[in-house]
Amino acid sequence: MLNLESVDDLNAFLAHPGKRLLLKHSTICPISTTALEQVETYLADSDVATAIVLVREARPVSNEVAERFQIKHESPQIFLFEDGAVKWHTSHWKITKDTLVEAVSN
């Protein structure tokens, strides 16, 4: 999982074609820790390019995602991008291996 630390990193990640997952993660939130574990479980059986934004450590990147795509910031929060556009997103306890399987397969 790629750690996005700058807006340039975000731009480079989204510039690639195809499906990509982006997780906004708070290192101090137990719900976010559970979401991260679910994403890691999903990735064990998937080759979807995935990146993480640590929301407290990379606040400008987190804010850029919210502003650029006009989706209110939440943490944890996951986005499915396809060719640079948001195709699906969810947050908190809805971030599970099963919801990821379903979202990516659609």
PDB file of N, CA and C in Angstrom:
ATOM      1  N   MET A   1       0.860  -1.168   0.000  1.00  0.00           N
ATOM      2  CA  MET A   1       0.000   0.000   0.000  1.00  0.00           C
ATOM      3  C   MET A   1       0.909   1.235   0.000  1.00  0.00           C
ATOM      4  N   LEU A   2       0.657   2.107  -0.939  1.00  0.00           N
ATOM      5  CA  LEU A   2       1.440   3.325  -1.109  1.00  0.00           C
ATOM      6  C   LEU A   2       0.968   4.397  -0.132  1.00  0.00           C
ATOM      7  N   ASN A   3       1.901   5.048   0.553  1.00  0.00           N
ATOM      8  CA  ASN A   3       1.573   6.123   1.477  1.00  0.00           C
ATOM      9  C   ASN A   3       1.676   7.460   0.732  1.00  0.00           C
ATOM     10  N   LEU A   4       0.536   8.163   0.604  1.00  0.00           N
ATOM     11  CA  LEU A   4       0.525   9.457  -0.077  1.00  0.00           C
ATOM     12  C   LEU A   4       0.813  10.554   0.936  1.00  0.00           C
ATOM     13  N   GLU A   5       1.938  11.241   0.761  1.00  0.00           N
ATOM     14  CA  GLU A   5       2.356  12.258   1.713  1.00  0.00           C
ATOM     15  C   GLU A   5       2.226  13.676   1.182  1.00  0.00           C
ATOM     16  N   SER A   6       1.946  13.820  -0.117  1.00  0.00           N
ATOM     17  CA  SER A   6       1.831  15.156  -0.716  1.00  0.00           C
ATOM     18  C   SER A   6       0.745  15.137  -1.785  1.00  0.00           C
ATOM     19  N   VAL A   7       0.302  16.336  -2.170  1.00  0.00           N
ATOM     20  CA  VAL A   7      -0.684  16.443  -3.239  1.00  0.00           C
ATOM     21  C   VAL A   7      -0.071  15.919  -4.545  1.00  0.00           C
ATOM     22  N   ASP A   8       1.222  16.108  -4.737  1.00  0.00           N
ATOM     23  CA  ASP A   8       1.890  15.546  -5.923  1.00  0.00           C
ATOM     24  C   ASP A   8       1.797  14.025  -5.929  1.00  0.00           C
ATOM     25  N   ASP A   9       1.969  13.403  -4.759  1.00  0.00           N
ATOM     26  CA  ASP A   9       1.811  11.941  -4.661  1.00  0.00           C
ATOM     27  C   ASP A   9       0.396  11.539  -5.043  1.00  0.00           C
ATOM     28  N   LEU A  10      -0.596  12.288  -4.557  1.00  0.00           N
ATOM     29  CA  LEU A  10      -1.991  12.006  -4.891  1.00  0.00           C
ATOM     30  C   LEU A  10      -2.215  12.116  -6.389  1.00  0.00           C
ATOM     31  N   ASN A  11      -1.724  13.188  -6.988  1.00  0.00           N
ATOM     32  CA  ASN A  11      -1.891  13.379  -8.431  1.00  0.00           C
ATOM     33  C   ASN A  11      -1.266  12.244  -9.224  1.00  0.00           C
ATOM     34  N   ALA A  12      -0.081  11.825  -8.831  1.00  0.00           N
ATOM     35  CA  ALA A  12       0.595  10.726  -9.530  1.00  0.00           C
ATOM     36  C   ALA A  12      -0.192   9.426  -9.380  1.00  0.00           C
ATOM     37  N   PHE A  13      -0.715   9.170  -8.190  1.00  0.00           N
ATOM     38  CA  PHE A  13      -1.490   7.953  -7.948  1.00  0.00           C
ATOM     39  C   PHE A  13      -2.744   7.930  -8.814  1.00  0.00           C
ATOM     40  N   LEU A  14      -3.445   9.052  -8.895  1.00  0.00           N
ATOM     41  CA  LEU A  14      -4.703   9.109  -9.641  1.00  0.00           C
ATOM     42  C   LEU A  14      -4.495   9.215 -11.151  1.00  0.00           C
ATOM     43  N   ALA A  15      -3.296   9.526 -11.593  1.00  0.00           N
ATOM     44  CA  ALA A  15      -3.022   9.672 -13.025  1.00  0.00           C
ATOM     45  C   ALA A  15      -3.031   8.339 -13.768  1.00  0.00           C
ATOM     46  N   HIS A  16      -2.866   7.249 -13.053  1.00  0.00           N
ATOM     47  CA  HIS A  16      -2.833   5.935 -13.693  1.00  0.00           C
ATOM     48  C   HIS A  16      -4.250   5.474 -14.036  1.00  0.00           C
ATOM     49  N   PRO A  17      -4.405   4.788 -15.162  1.00  0.00           N
ATOM     50  CA  PRO A  17      -5.737   4.295 -15.540  1.00  0.00           C
ATOM     51  C   PRO A  17      -6.160   3.087 -14.701  1.00  0.00           C
ATOM     52  N   GLY A  18      -7.446   2.788 -14.762  1.00  0.00           N
ATOM     53  CA  GLY A  18      -7.960   1.608 -14.083  1.00  0.00           C
ATOM     54  C   GLY A  18      -8.477   1.911 -12.696  1.00  0.00           C
ATOM     55  N   LYS A  19      -8.786   0.839 -11.978  1.00  0.00           N
ATOM     56  CA  LYS A  19      -9.353   0.952 -10.633  1.00  0.00           C
ATOM     57  C   LYS A  19      -8.245   1.097  -9.602  1.00  0.00           C
ATOM     58  N   ARG A  20      -8.510   1.976  -8.625  1.00  0.00           N
ATOM     59  CA  ARG A  20      -7.550   2.245  -7.555  1.00  0.00           C
ATOM     60  C   ARG A  20      -8.326   2.539  -6.286  1.00  0.00           C
ATOM     61  N   LEU A  21      -7.831   2.061  -5.172  1.00  0.00           N
ATOM     62  CA  LEU A  21      -8.448   2.334  -3.870  1.00  0.00           C
ATOM     63  C   LEU A  21      -7.603   3.344  -3.107  1.00  0.00           C
ATOM     64  N   LEU A  22      -8.284   4.223  -2.387  1.00  0.00           N
ATOM     65  CA  LEU A  22      -7.605   5.198  -1.538  1.00  0.00           C
ATOM     66  C   LEU A  22      -8.281   5.197  -0.170  1.00  0.00           C
ATOM     67  N   LEU A  23      -7.507   4.914   0.869  1.00  0.00           N
ATOM     68  CA  LEU A  23      -8.005   4.879   2.245  1.00  0.00           C
ATOM     69  C   LEU A  23      -7.510   6.102   2.994  1.00  0.00           C
ATOM     70  N   LYS A  24      -8.448   6.835   3.605  1.00  0.00           N
ATOM     71  CA  LYS A  24      -8.088   7.880   4.563  1.00  0.00           C
ATOM     72  C   LYS A  24      -8.101   7.228   5.941  1.00  0.00           C
ATOM     73  N   HIS A  25      -6.964   7.297   6.616  1.00  0.00           N
ATOM     74  CA  HIS A  25      -6.779   6.556   7.875  1.00  0.00           C
ATOM     75  C   HIS A  25      -6.285   7.490   8.976  1.00  0.00           C
ATOM     76  N   SER A  26      -6.906   7.371  10.151  1.00  0.00           N
ATOM     77  CA  SER A  26      -6.434   8.084  11.334  1.00  0.00           C
ATOM     78  C   SER A  26      -5.698   7.105  12.240  1.00  0.00           C
ATOM     79  N   THR A  27      -4.472   7.425  12.542  1.00  0.00           N
ATOM     80  CA  THR A  27      -3.636   6.534  13.353  1.00  0.00           C
ATOM     81  C   THR A  27      -4.040   6.515  14.824  1.00  0.00           C
ATOM     82  N   ILE A  28      -4.981   7.379  15.228  1.00  0.00           N
ATOM     83  CA  ILE A  28      -5.396   7.403  16.636  1.00  0.00           C
ATOM     84  C   ILE A  28      -6.824   6.907  16.843  1.00  0.00           C
ATOM     85  N   CYS A  29      -7.452   6.401  15.795  1.00  0.00           N
ATOM     86  CA  CYS A  29      -8.858   6.004  15.870  1.00  0.00           C
ATOM     87  C   CYS A  29      -9.005   4.485  15.781  1.00  0.00           C
ATOM     88  N   PRO A  30      -9.636   3.856  16.766  1.00  0.00           N
ATOM     89  CA  PRO A  30      -9.799   2.404  16.715  1.00  0.00           C
ATOM     90  C   PRO A  30     -10.701   1.942  15.559  1.00  0.00           C
ATOM     91  N   ILE A  31     -11.688   2.739  15.183  1.00  0.00           N
ATOM     92  CA  ILE A  31     -12.525   2.364  14.028  1.00  0.00           C
ATOM     93  C   ILE A  31     -11.668   2.358  12.767  1.00  0.00           C
ATOM     94  N   SER A  32     -10.788   3.338  12.657  1.00  0.00           N
ATOM     95  CA  SER A  32      -9.901   3.413  11.507  1.00  0.00           C
ATOM     96  C   SER A  32      -8.931   2.229  11.474  1.00  0.00           C
ATOM     97  N   THR A  33      -8.468   1.813  12.618  1.00  0.00           N
ATOM     98  CA  THR A  33      -7.585   0.642  12.683  1.00  0.00           C
ATOM     99  C   THR A  33      -8.308  -0.600  12.179  1.00  0.00           C
ATOM    100  N   THR A  34      -9.560  -0.761  12.563  1.00  0.00           N
ATOM    101  CA  THR A  34     -10.354  -1.897  12.083  1.00  0.00           C
ATOM    102  C   THR A  34     -10.545  -1.812  10.574  1.00  0.00           C
ATOM    103  N   ALA A  35     -10.828  -0.623  10.067  1.00  0.00           N
ATOM    104  CA  ALA A  35     -10.997  -0.443   8.620  1.00  0.00           C
ATOM    105  C   ALA A  35      -9.706  -0.799   7.878  1.00  0.00           C
ATOM    106  N   LEU A  36      -8.576  -0.358   8.400  1.00  0.00           N
ATOM    107  CA  LEU A  36      -7.288  -0.681   7.787  1.00  0.00           C
ATOM    108  C   LEU A  36      -7.080  -2.190   7.744  1.00  0.00           C
ATOM    109  N   GLU A  37      -7.404  -2.876   8.819  1.00  0.00           N
ATOM    110  CA  GLU A  37      -7.278  -4.343   8.846  1.00  0.00           C
ATOM    111  C   GLU A  37      -8.159  -4.984   7.777  1.00  0.00           C
ATOM    112  N   GLN A  38      -9.362  -4.468   7.589  1.00  0.00           N
ATOM    113  CA  GLN A  38     -10.260  -4.997   6.555  1.00  0.00           C
ATOM    114  C   GLN A  38      -9.684  -4.765   5.155  1.00  0.00           C
ATOM    115  N   VAL A  39      -9.117  -3.599   4.927  1.00  0.00           N
ATOM    116  CA  VAL A  39      -8.501  -3.305   3.632  1.00  0.00           C
ATOM    117  C   VAL A  39      -7.317  -4.236   3.403  1.00  0.00           C
ATOM    118  N   GLU A  40      -6.490  -4.420   4.407  1.00  0.00           N
ATOM    119  CA  GLU A  40      -5.335  -5.314   4.271  1.00  0.00           C
ATOM    120  C   GLU A  40      -5.781  -6.747   4.003  1.00  0.00           C
ATOM    121  N   THR A  41      -6.853  -7.195   4.641  1.00  0.00           N
ATOM    122  CA  THR A  41      -7.392  -8.533   4.382  1.00  0.00           C
ATOM    123  C   THR A  41      -7.862  -8.640   2.936  1.00  0.00           C
ATOM    124  N   TYR A  42      -8.553  -7.608   2.466  1.00  0.00           N
ATOM    125  CA  TYR A  42      -9.006  -7.593   1.071  1.00  0.00           C
ATOM    126  C   TYR A  42      -7.808  -7.651   0.119  1.00  0.00           C
ATOM    127  N   LEU A  43      -6.781  -6.892   0.400  1.00  0.00           N
ATOM    128  CA  LEU A  43      -5.623  -6.813  -0.497  1.00  0.00           C
ATOM    129  C   LEU A  43      -4.821  -8.108  -0.555  1.00  0.00           C
ATOM    130  N   ALA A  44      -4.964  -8.957   0.442  1.00  0.00           N
ATOM    131  CA  ALA A  44      -4.255 -10.242   0.425  1.00  0.00           C
ATOM    132  C   ALA A  44      -4.681 -11.081  -0.774  1.00  0.00           C
ATOM    133  N   ASP A  45      -5.910 -10.855  -1.275  1.00  0.00           N
ATOM    134  CA  ASP A  45      -6.431 -11.620  -2.412  1.00  0.00           C
ATOM    135  C   ASP A  45      -6.708 -10.736  -3.620  1.00  0.00           C
ATOM    136  N   SER A  46      -6.165  -9.536  -3.646  1.00  0.00           N
ATOM    137  CA  SER A  46      -6.472  -8.593  -4.723  1.00  0.00           C
ATOM    138  C   SER A  46      -5.204  -7.897  -5.185  1.00  0.00           C
ATOM    139  N   ASP A  47      -5.209  -7.495  -6.436  1.00  0.00           N
ATOM    140  CA  ASP A  47      -4.059  -6.756  -6.961  1.00  0.00           C
ATOM    141  C   ASP A  47      -4.435  -5.311  -7.329  1.00  0.00           C
ATOM    142  N   VAL A  48      -5.537  -4.813  -6.760  1.00  0.00           N
ATOM    143  CA  VAL A  48      -5.944  -3.436  -7.025  1.00  0.00           C
ATOM    144  C   VAL A  48      -4.924  -2.483  -6.387  1.00  0.00           C
ATOM    145  N   ALA A  49      -4.436  -1.540  -7.171  1.00  0.00           N
ATOM    146  CA  ALA A  49      -3.508  -0.544  -6.638  1.00  0.00           C
ATOM    147  C   ALA A  49      -4.202   0.219  -5.509  1.00  0.00           C
ATOM    148  N   THR A  50      -3.511   0.339  -4.385  1.00  0.00           N
ATOM    149  CA  THR A  50      -4.120   0.942  -3.211  1.00  0.00           C
ATOM    150  C   THR A  50      -3.137   1.899  -2.550  1.00  0.00           C
ATOM    151  N   ALA A  51      -3.693   3.019  -2.075  1.00  0.00           N
ATOM    152  CA  ALA A  51      -2.883   4.010  -1.367  1.00  0.00           C
ATOM    153  C   ALA A  51      -3.586   4.385  -0.071  1.00  0.00           C
ATOM    154  N   ILE A  52      -2.808   4.943   0.831  1.00  0.00           N
ATOM    155  CA  ILE A  52      -3.317   5.374   2.131  1.00  0.00           C
ATOM    156  C   ILE A  52      -2.893   6.821   2.370  1.00  0.00           C
ATOM    157  N   VAL A  53      -3.797   7.575   2.969  1.00  0.00           N
ATOM    158  CA  VAL A  53      -3.487   8.931   3.428  1.00  0.00           C
ATOM    159  C   VAL A  53      -3.661   8.925   4.938  1.00  0.00           C
ATOM    160  N   LEU A  54      -2.601   9.215   5.653  1.00  0.00           N
ATOM    161  CA  LEU A  54      -2.676   9.342   7.104  1.00  0.00           C
ATOM    162  C   LEU A  54      -3.179  10.756   7.382  1.00  0.00           C
ATOM    163  N   VAL A  55      -4.442  10.854   7.795  1.00  0.00           N
ATOM    164  CA  VAL A  55      -5.125  12.148   7.799  1.00  0.00           C
ATOM    165  C   VAL A  55      -4.501  13.177   8.744  1.00  0.00           C
ATOM    166  N   ARG A  56      -3.951  12.762   9.837  1.00  0.00           N
ATOM    167  CA  ARG A  56      -3.332  13.720  10.765  1.00  0.00           C
ATOM    168  C   ARG A  56      -1.950  14.139  10.281  1.00  0.00           C
ATOM    169  N   GLU A  57      -1.227  13.220   9.689  1.00  0.00           N
ATOM    170  CA  GLU A  57       0.137  13.491   9.242  1.00  0.00           C
ATOM    171  C   GLU A  57       0.183  14.161   7.869  1.00  0.00           C
ATOM    172  N   ALA A  58      -0.838  13.947   7.053  1.00  0.00           N
ATOM    173  CA  ALA A  58      -0.872  14.503   5.689  1.00  0.00           C
ATOM    174  C   ALA A  58      -2.196  15.234   5.462  1.00  0.00           C
ATOM    175  N   ARG A  59      -2.487  16.160   6.350  1.00  0.00           N
ATOM    176  CA  ARG A  59      -3.752  16.904   6.283  1.00  0.00           C
ATOM    177  C   ARG A  59      -3.984  17.576   4.927  1.00  0.00           C
ATOM    178  N   PRO A  60      -2.974  18.203   4.293  1.00  0.00           N
ATOM    179  CA  PRO A  60      -3.229  18.820   2.985  1.00  0.00           C
ATOM    180  C   PRO A  60      -3.703  17.822   1.926  1.00  0.00           C
ATOM    181  N   VAL A  61      -3.200  16.611   1.979  1.00  0.00           N
ATOM    182  CA  VAL A  61      -3.633  15.588   1.020  1.00  0.00           C
ATOM    183  C   VAL A  61      -5.075  15.182   1.305  1.00  0.00           C
ATOM    184  N   SER A  62      -5.382  14.962   2.566  1.00  0.00           N
ATOM    185  CA  SER A  62      -6.740  14.612   2.962  1.00  0.00           C
ATOM    186  C   SER A  62      -7.725  15.702   2.550  1.00  0.00           C
ATOM    187  N   ASN A  63      -7.370  16.958   2.810  1.00  0.00           N
ATOM    188  CA  ASN A  63      -8.230  18.072   2.436  1.00  0.00           C
ATOM    189  C   ASN A  63      -8.402  18.169   0.927  1.00  0.00           C
ATOM    190  N   GLU A  64      -7.343  17.908   0.181  1.00  0.00           N
ATOM    191  CA  GLU A  64      -7.410  17.972  -1.281  1.00  0.00           C
ATOM    192  C   GLU A  64      -8.399  16.955  -1.833  1.00  0.00           C
ATOM    193  N   VAL A  65      -8.414  15.760  -1.272  1.00  0.00           N
ATOM    194  CA  VAL A  65      -9.371  14.739  -1.723  1.00  0.00           C
ATOM    195  C   VAL A  65     -10.797  15.234  -1.499  1.00  0.00           C
ATOM    196  N   ALA A  66     -11.069  15.754  -0.320  1.00  0.00           N
ATOM    197  CA  ALA A  66     -12.418  16.246  -0.008  1.00  0.00           C
ATOM    198  C   ALA A  66     -12.821  17.391  -0.935  1.00  0.00           C
ATOM    199  N   GLU A  67     -11.917  18.326  -1.134  1.00  0.00           N
ATOM    200  CA  GLU A  67     -12.230  19.496  -1.955  1.00  0.00           C
ATOM    201  C   GLU A  67     -12.355  19.142  -3.438  1.00  0.00           C
ATOM    202  N   ARG A  68     -11.417  18.389  -3.949  1.00  0.00           N
ATOM    203  CA  ARG A  68     -11.400  18.078  -5.380  1.00  0.00           C
ATOM    204  C   ARG A  68     -12.614  17.273  -5.801  1.00  0.00           C
ATOM    205  N   PHE A  69     -13.018  16.321  -4.957  1.00  0.00           N
ATOM    206  CA  PHE A  69     -14.111  15.426  -5.341  1.00  0.00           C
ATOM    207  C   PHE A  69     -15.436  15.784  -4.676  1.00  0.00           C
ATOM    208  N   GLN A  70     -15.429  16.886  -3.903  1.00  0.00           N
ATOM    209  CA  GLN A  70     -16.648  17.392  -3.266  1.00  0.00           C
ATOM    210  C   GLN A  70     -17.345  16.319  -2.428  1.00  0.00           C
ATOM    211  N   ILE A  71     -16.538  15.588  -1.650  1.00  0.00           N
ATOM    212  CA  ILE A  71     -17.053  14.544  -0.762  1.00  0.00           C
ATOM    213  C   ILE A  71     -16.566  14.888   0.649  1.00  0.00           C
ATOM    214  N   LYS A  72     -17.516  15.094   1.538  1.00  0.00           N
ATOM    215  CA  LYS A  72     -17.204  15.475   2.918  1.00  0.00           C
ATOM    216  C   LYS A  72     -16.184  14.524   3.533  1.00  0.00           C
ATOM    217  N   HIS A  73     -15.197  15.100   4.196  1.00  0.00           N
ATOM    218  CA  HIS A  73     -14.164  14.298   4.856  1.00  0.00           C
ATOM    219  C   HIS A  73     -14.748  13.473   6.005  1.00  0.00           C
ATOM    220  N   GLU A  74     -14.366  12.223   6.034  1.00  0.00           N
ATOM    221  CA  GLU A  74     -14.627  11.357   7.175  1.00  0.00           C
ATOM    222  C   GLU A  74     -13.380  10.509   7.383  1.00  0.00           C
ATOM    223  N   SER A  75     -13.276   9.934   8.534  1.00  0.00           N
ATOM    224  CA  SER A  75     -12.133   9.067   8.807  1.00  0.00           C
ATOM    225  C   SER A  75     -12.570   7.985   9.788  1.00  0.00           C
ATOM    226  N   PRO A  76     -12.384   6.739   9.385  1.00  0.00           N
ATOM    227  CA  PRO A  76     -11.819   6.270   8.125  1.00  0.00           C
ATOM    228  C   PRO A  76     -12.804   6.449   6.969  1.00  0.00           C
ATOM    229  N   GLN A  77     -12.218   6.510   5.783  1.00  0.00           N
ATOM    230  CA  GLN A  77     -13.014   6.676   4.569  1.00  0.00           C
ATOM    231  C   GLN A  77     -12.247   6.022   3.425  1.00  0.00           C
ATOM    232  N   ILE A  78     -12.978   5.345   2.545  1.00  0.00           N
ATOM    233  CA  ILE A  78     -12.320   4.708   1.407  1.00  0.00           C
ATOM    234  C   ILE A  78     -13.013   5.112   0.122  1.00  0.00           C
ATOM    235  N   PHE A  79     -12.211   5.273  -0.911  1.00  0.00           N
ATOM    236  CA  PHE A  79     -12.681   5.662  -2.233  1.00  0.00           C
ATOM    237  C   PHE A  79     -12.241   4.620  -3.252  1.00  0.00           C
ATOM    238  N   LEU A  80     -13.121   4.326  -4.193  1.00  0.00           N
ATOM    239  CA  LEU A  80     -12.747   3.550  -5.375  1.00  0.00           C
ATOM    240  C   LEU A  80     -12.725   4.520  -6.538  1.00  0.00           C
ATOM    241  N   PHE A  81     -11.573   4.674  -7.125  1.00  0.00           N
ATOM    242  CA  PHE A  81     -11.415   5.506  -8.310  1.00  0.00           C
ATOM    243  C   PHE A  81     -11.319   4.604  -9.534  1.00  0.00           C
ATOM    244  N   GLU A  82     -11.859   5.068 -10.640  1.00  0.00           N
ATOM    245  CA  GLU A  82     -11.638   4.408 -11.920  1.00  0.00           C
ATOM    246  C   GLU A  82     -11.309   5.490 -12.928  1.00  0.00           C
ATOM    247  N   ASP A  83     -10.123   5.393 -13.488  1.00  0.00           N
ATOM    248  CA  ASP A  83      -9.628   6.388 -14.444  1.00  0.00           C
ATOM    249  C   ASP A  83      -9.713   7.801 -13.867  1.00  0.00           C
ATOM    250  N   GLY A  84      -9.368   7.944 -12.587  1.00  0.00           N
ATOM    251  CA  GLY A  84      -9.278   9.243 -11.946  1.00  0.00           C
ATOM    252  C   GLY A  84     -10.575   9.801 -11.381  1.00  0.00           C
ATOM    253  N   ALA A  85     -11.691   9.104 -11.597  1.00  0.00           N
ATOM    254  CA  ALA A  85     -12.986   9.578 -11.093  1.00  0.00           C
ATOM    255  C   ALA A  85     -13.464   8.678  -9.956  1.00  0.00           C
ATOM    256  N   VAL A  86     -14.135   9.279  -8.967  1.00  0.00           N
ATOM    257  CA  VAL A  86     -14.675   8.494  -7.864  1.00  0.00           C
ATOM    258  C   VAL A  86     -15.869   7.690  -8.372  1.00  0.00           C
ATOM    259  N   LYS A  87     -15.801   6.373  -8.205  1.00  0.00           N
ATOM    260  CA  LYS A  87     -16.899   5.481  -8.595  1.00  0.00           C
ATOM    261  C   LYS A  87     -17.721   5.037  -7.388  1.00  0.00           C
ATOM    262  N   TRP A  88     -17.092   5.070  -6.201  1.00  0.00           N
ATOM    263  CA  TRP A  88     -17.760   4.588  -4.983  1.00  0.00           C
ATOM    264  C   TRP A  88     -16.948   5.085  -3.799  1.00  0.00           C
ATOM    265  N   HIS A  89     -17.631   5.293  -2.684  1.00  0.00           N
ATOM    266  CA  HIS A  89     -16.919   5.607  -1.438  1.00  0.00           C
ATOM    267  C   HIS A  89     -17.821   5.235  -0.264  1.00  0.00           C
ATOM    268  N   THR A  90     -17.190   4.992   0.859  1.00  0.00           N
ATOM    269  CA  THR A  90     -17.916   4.713   2.097  1.00  0.00           C
ATOM    270  C   THR A  90     -16.994   5.030   3.268  1.00  0.00           C
ATOM    271  N   SER A  91     -17.534   4.877   4.469  1.00  0.00           N
ATOM    272  CA  SER A  91     -16.734   5.221   5.641  1.00  0.00           C
ATOM    273  C   SER A  91     -17.079   4.345   6.841  1.00  0.00           C
ATOM    274  N   HIS A  92     -16.276   4.509   7.855  1.00  0.00           N
ATOM    275  CA  HIS A  92     -16.435   3.889   9.163  1.00  0.00           C
ATOM    276  C   HIS A  92     -16.650   2.369   9.087  1.00  0.00           C
ATOM    277  N   TRP A  93     -17.681   1.883   9.779  1.00  0.00           N
ATOM    278  CA  TRP A  93     -17.879   0.427   9.891  1.00  0.00           C
ATOM    279  C   TRP A  93     -18.301  -0.222   8.575  1.00  0.00           C
ATOM    280  N   LYS A  94     -18.620   0.587   7.561  1.00  0.00           N
ATOM    281  CA  LYS A  94     -19.009   0.031   6.263  1.00  0.00           C
ATOM    282  C   LYS A  94     -17.794  -0.379   5.432  1.00  0.00           C
ATOM    283  N   ILE A  95     -16.609  -0.091   5.929  1.00  0.00           N
ATOM    284  CA  ILE A  95     -15.386  -0.509   5.242  1.00  0.00           C
ATOM    285  C   ILE A  95     -15.064  -1.926   5.685  1.00  0.00           C
ATOM    286  N   THR A  96     -15.444  -2.883   4.845  1.00  0.00           N
ATOM    287  CA  THR A  96     -15.181  -4.295   5.135  1.00  0.00           C
ATOM    288  C   THR A  96     -14.633  -4.969   3.886  1.00  0.00           C
ATOM    289  N   LYS A  97     -14.053  -6.135   4.089  1.00  0.00           N
ATOM    290  CA  LYS A  97     -13.567  -6.905   2.946  1.00  0.00           C
ATOM    291  C   LYS A  97     -14.713  -7.152   1.966  1.00  0.00           C
ATOM    292  N   ASP A  98     -15.882  -7.516   2.473  1.00  0.00           N
ATOM    293  CA  ASP A  98     -17.008  -7.827   1.603  1.00  0.00           C
ATOM    294  C   ASP A  98     -17.472  -6.610   0.812  1.00  0.00           C
ATOM    295  N   THR A  99     -17.527  -5.438   1.441  1.00  0.00           N
ATOM    296  CA  THR A  99     -17.967  -4.252   0.681  1.00  0.00           C
ATOM    297  C   THR A  99     -16.928  -3.888  -0.384  1.00  0.00           C
ATOM    298  N   LEU A 100     -15.665  -4.114  -0.096  1.00  0.00           N
ATOM    299  CA  LEU A 100     -14.625  -3.858  -1.089  1.00  0.00           C
ATOM    300  C   LEU A 100     -14.723  -4.819  -2.259  1.00  0.00           C
ATOM    301  N   VAL A 101     -14.931  -6.095  -1.963  1.00  0.00           N
ATOM    302  CA  VAL A 101     -15.103  -7.088  -3.042  1.00  0.00           C
ATOM    303  C   VAL A 101     -16.239  -6.665  -3.956  1.00  0.00           C
ATOM    304  N   GLU A 102     -17.368  -6.314  -3.358  1.00  0.00           N
ATOM    305  CA  GLU A 102     -18.541  -5.930  -4.137  1.00  0.00           C
ATOM    306  C   GLU A 102     -18.292  -4.665  -4.945  1.00  0.00           C
ATOM    307  N   ALA A 103     -17.717  -3.638  -4.337  1.00  0.00           N
ATOM    308  CA  ALA A 103     -17.491  -2.369  -5.024  1.00  0.00           C
ATOM    309  C   ALA A 103     -16.537  -2.511  -6.197  1.00  0.00           C
ATOM    310  N   VAL A 104     -15.432  -3.215  -5.983  1.00  0.00           N
ATOM    311  CA  VAL A 104     -14.430  -3.352  -7.032  1.00  0.00           C
ATOM    312  C   VAL A 104     -14.922  -4.227  -8.171  1.00  0.00           C
ATOM    313  N   SER A 105     -15.765  -5.205  -7.876  1.00  0.00           N
ATOM    314  CA  SER A 105     -16.245  -6.111  -8.924  1.00  0.00           C
ATOM    315  C   SER A 105     -17.334  -5.486  -9.791  1.00  0.00           C
ATOM    316  N   ASN A 106     -17.968  -4.422  -9.320  1.00  0.00           N
ATOM    317  CA  ASN A 106     -19.031  -3.754 -10.106  1.00  0.00           C
ATOM    318  C   ASN A 106     -18.449  -2.847 -11.168  1.00  0.00           C
TER     319      ASN A 106
END
